[in-house]
N, C-alpha and C. Protein backbone atom coordinates (compact mmCIF):
# COMPACT_ATOMS: atom_id res chain seq x y z
N MET A 1 -37.93 121.17 51.62
CA MET A 1 -36.90 119.51 51.03
C MET A 1 -37.73 119.14 50.07
N HIS A 2 -38.44 118.61 49.96
CA HIS A 2 -39.54 117.89 48.84
C HIS A 2 -39.71 118.93 47.83
N ASP A 3 -39.80 120.28 47.85
CA ASP A 3 -40.58 121.01 46.76
C ASP A 3 -38.98 121.15 46.14
N SER A 4 -38.04 121.59 46.59
CA SER A 4 -36.86 121.61 45.68
C SER A 4 -36.35 119.99 45.02
N THR A 5 -36.56 118.95 45.56
CA THR A 5 -36.84 117.89 44.82
C THR A 5 -37.34 117.41 43.73
N LEU A 6 -38.47 117.74 43.77
CA LEU A 6 -39.71 117.89 42.34
C LEU A 6 -39.10 118.88 42.06
N TYR A 7 -39.02 119.99 42.11
CA TYR A 7 -38.53 121.19 41.26
C TYR A 7 -37.27 120.42 40.34
N SER A 8 -36.48 119.63 41.22
CA SER A 8 -34.78 119.67 40.24
C SER A 8 -35.69 118.34 39.14
N ILE A 9 -36.74 117.14 39.48
CA ILE A 9 -36.99 116.44 39.08
C ILE A 9 -37.73 117.14 37.43
N GLY A 10 -38.50 118.17 38.01
CA GLY A 10 -39.12 118.86 36.69
C GLY A 10 -38.49 119.17 35.82
N HIS A 11 -37.13 119.86 35.90
CA HIS A 11 -36.14 120.38 35.15
C HIS A 11 -35.02 119.07 34.75
N GLY A 12 -35.09 117.78 35.15
CA GLY A 12 -34.25 116.76 34.47
C GLY A 12 -33.09 116.97 34.99
N ASN A 13 -32.88 117.18 36.33
CA ASN A 13 -31.88 117.32 36.97
C ASN A 13 -31.37 116.14 38.04
N LYS A 14 -32.62 115.09 38.22
CA LYS A 14 -32.37 114.45 38.83
C LYS A 14 -32.94 113.23 38.05
N THR A 15 -32.92 111.79 38.18
CA THR A 15 -33.43 110.80 37.62
C THR A 15 -34.18 110.23 38.78
N ILE A 16 -34.97 109.19 38.31
CA ILE A 16 -35.77 108.71 39.29
C ILE A 16 -35.30 107.89 40.18
N GLU A 17 -34.20 107.40 39.73
CA GLU A 17 -33.21 106.22 40.78
C GLU A 17 -32.61 106.86 41.96
N LYS A 18 -32.13 107.95 41.42
CA LYS A 18 -31.69 108.94 42.36
C LYS A 18 -32.88 109.38 43.63
N LEU A 19 -34.03 109.66 43.02
CA LEU A 19 -34.87 110.38 43.55
C LEU A 19 -35.19 108.97 44.84
N ILE A 20 -35.11 107.97 44.24
CA ILE A 20 -35.79 106.94 45.28
C ILE A 20 -34.58 106.70 46.43
N ASP A 21 -33.29 106.73 45.79
CA ASP A 21 -32.21 106.76 46.64
C ASP A 21 -32.10 107.92 47.58
N GLU A 22 -32.76 108.87 47.38
CA GLU A 22 -33.04 109.84 48.52
C GLU A 22 -33.70 109.97 49.32
N LEU A 23 -35.18 109.26 49.02
CA LEU A 23 -36.09 108.84 49.91
C LEU A 23 -36.04 107.60 50.92
N LYS A 24 -35.01 106.76 50.25
CA LYS A 24 -35.00 106.13 51.06
C LYS A 24 -34.20 106.09 52.39
N SER A 25 -32.76 107.15 51.63
CA SER A 25 -31.92 107.76 52.96
C SER A 25 -32.71 108.35 53.92
N PHE A 26 -33.66 109.51 53.25
CA PHE A 26 -34.53 110.45 53.80
C PHE A 26 -35.40 109.44 55.15
N ASN A 27 -35.74 108.50 54.54
CA ASN A 27 -36.78 107.59 55.60
C ASN A 27 -35.79 106.84 56.46
N ILE A 28 -34.77 106.63 56.28
CA ILE A 28 -33.57 105.82 57.20
C ILE A 28 -33.32 106.83 58.11
N VAL A 29 -33.10 107.81 58.09
CA VAL A 29 -32.77 109.07 59.01
C VAL A 29 -34.14 109.20 59.61
N SER A 30 -35.31 109.80 59.29
CA SER A 30 -36.56 110.29 60.07
C SER A 30 -36.98 108.97 61.11
N SER A 31 -36.67 107.71 60.36
CA SER A 31 -36.75 106.51 61.68
C SER A 31 -35.52 106.23 62.52
N LYS A 32 -34.55 106.16 62.21
CA LYS A 32 -33.46 106.54 63.18
C LYS A 32 -33.88 107.49 64.18
N LYS A 33 -34.22 108.90 63.93
CA LYS A 33 -34.73 109.83 64.76
C LYS A 33 -35.70 109.82 65.49
N SER A 34 -36.84 108.76 64.91
CA SER A 34 -38.38 108.52 65.98
C SER A 34 -37.86 107.69 66.92
N TYR A 35 -36.61 106.88 66.60
CA TYR A 35 -36.31 105.74 67.91
C TYR A 35 -35.68 106.76 68.76
N ARG A 36 -35.23 107.89 68.44
CA ARG A 36 -34.12 108.49 69.51
C ARG A 36 -35.04 109.51 70.17
């Protein structure tokens, strides 16, 4: 997942803002899974 994200950034397919949003969403999902 992280590799594909870095790959996209390297090729200008994603903006830093989108990356941050994805990381935040990913962290939220991970946190919910941890509590369960």
